[in-house]
Protein backbone atom coordinates (compact mmCIF):
# COMPACT_ATOMS: atom_id res chain seq x y z
CA MET A 1 0.00 0.00 0.00
CA LYS A 2 1.31 3.44 -0.96
CA LYS A 3 1.99 6.04 1.72
CA SER A 4 -0.21 9.13 1.42
CA ILE A 5 0.70 12.79 1.15
CA LEU A 6 -1.61 15.77 1.49
CA VAL A 7 -0.42 18.77 -0.54
CA VAL A 8 -1.87 22.07 0.65
CA ASP A 9 -1.27 25.19 -1.43
CA ASP A 10 -3.45 27.99 -2.79
CA VAL A 11 -1.40 28.11 -6.01
CA VAL A 12 -2.69 25.41 -8.35
CA GLU A 13 0.53 25.37 -10.37
CA ASN A 14 2.50 24.39 -7.24
CA ILE A 15 0.05 21.57 -6.57
CA ASP A 16 0.37 20.33 -10.15
CA ILE A 17 4.17 20.25 -9.95
CA LEU A 18 4.20 18.35 -6.66
CA LYS A 19 1.51 15.95 -7.83
CA THR A 20 3.50 15.15 -10.98
CA ILE A 21 6.61 14.43 -8.92
CA LEU A 22 4.90 12.37 -6.21
CA ILE A 23 2.03 10.51 -7.88
CA ASP A 24 4.05 7.42 -8.93
CA LYS A 25 5.16 6.55 -5.39
CA TYR A 26 2.48 8.07 -3.17
CA THR A 27 -1.25 8.51 -2.92
CA VAL A 28 -1.59 12.27 -3.28
CA ARG A 29 -4.53 14.28 -2.03
CA VAL A 30 -4.72 18.05 -2.45
CA ALA A 31 -6.33 21.06 -0.80
CA THR A 32 -6.27 24.71 -1.78
CA ARG A 33 -7.48 26.11 1.55
CA GLY A 34 -6.69 25.46 5.20
CA LYS A 35 -10.20 24.42 6.20
CA MET A 36 -10.34 21.97 3.32
CA ALA A 37 -6.97 20.54 4.38
CA LEU A 38 -8.21 19.95 7.92
CA LYS A 39 -11.26 18.05 6.66
CA ILE A 40 -9.17 15.90 4.32
CA ALA A 41 -6.55 15.22 7.00
CA GLU A 42 -9.19 14.19 9.50
CA LYS A 43 -10.86 11.81 7.05
CA PHE A 44 -7.82 10.24 5.35
CA LYS A 45 -5.01 10.56 7.96
CA PRO A 46 -2.11 11.29 5.56
CA ASP A 47 1.39 10.10 6.37
CA LEU A 48 2.82 13.50 5.44
CA ILE A 49 1.40 16.98 4.86
CA LEU A 50 3.21 19.44 2.59
CA LEU A 51 1.72 22.72 3.78
CA ASP A 52 2.04 26.21 2.32
CA ILE A 53 2.40 28.87 5.01
CA MET A 54 1.05 31.90 3.16
CA MET A 55 -2.59 31.18 2.25
CA PRO A 56 -5.75 33.29 2.46
CA GLU A 57 -8.36 32.79 5.19
CA MET A 58 -6.28 30.37 7.29
CA ASP A 59 -2.50 30.31 6.98
CA GLY A 60 -0.34 27.24 7.38
CA TYR A 61 0.52 28.03 11.01
CA GLU A 62 -3.18 28.12 11.91
CA VAL A 63 -3.70 24.80 10.14
CA CYS A 64 -0.84 23.25 12.16
CA THR A 65 -2.25 24.63 15.39
CA LYS A 66 -5.66 23.05 14.76
């Protein structure tokens, strides 16, 4: 079973690059907002989260705190 990674970034191009690099070896889920990331992380329990710090609404530090 592949390990899973949650990629969180508000810039879709960044997500696309990371997905292209990681998709062969990992199950990759993505979120473009902090609240969405929290819901996905709660449901799927990723092995690793790649989290952008500077995002609108809820920044990466707030996501980590929650």
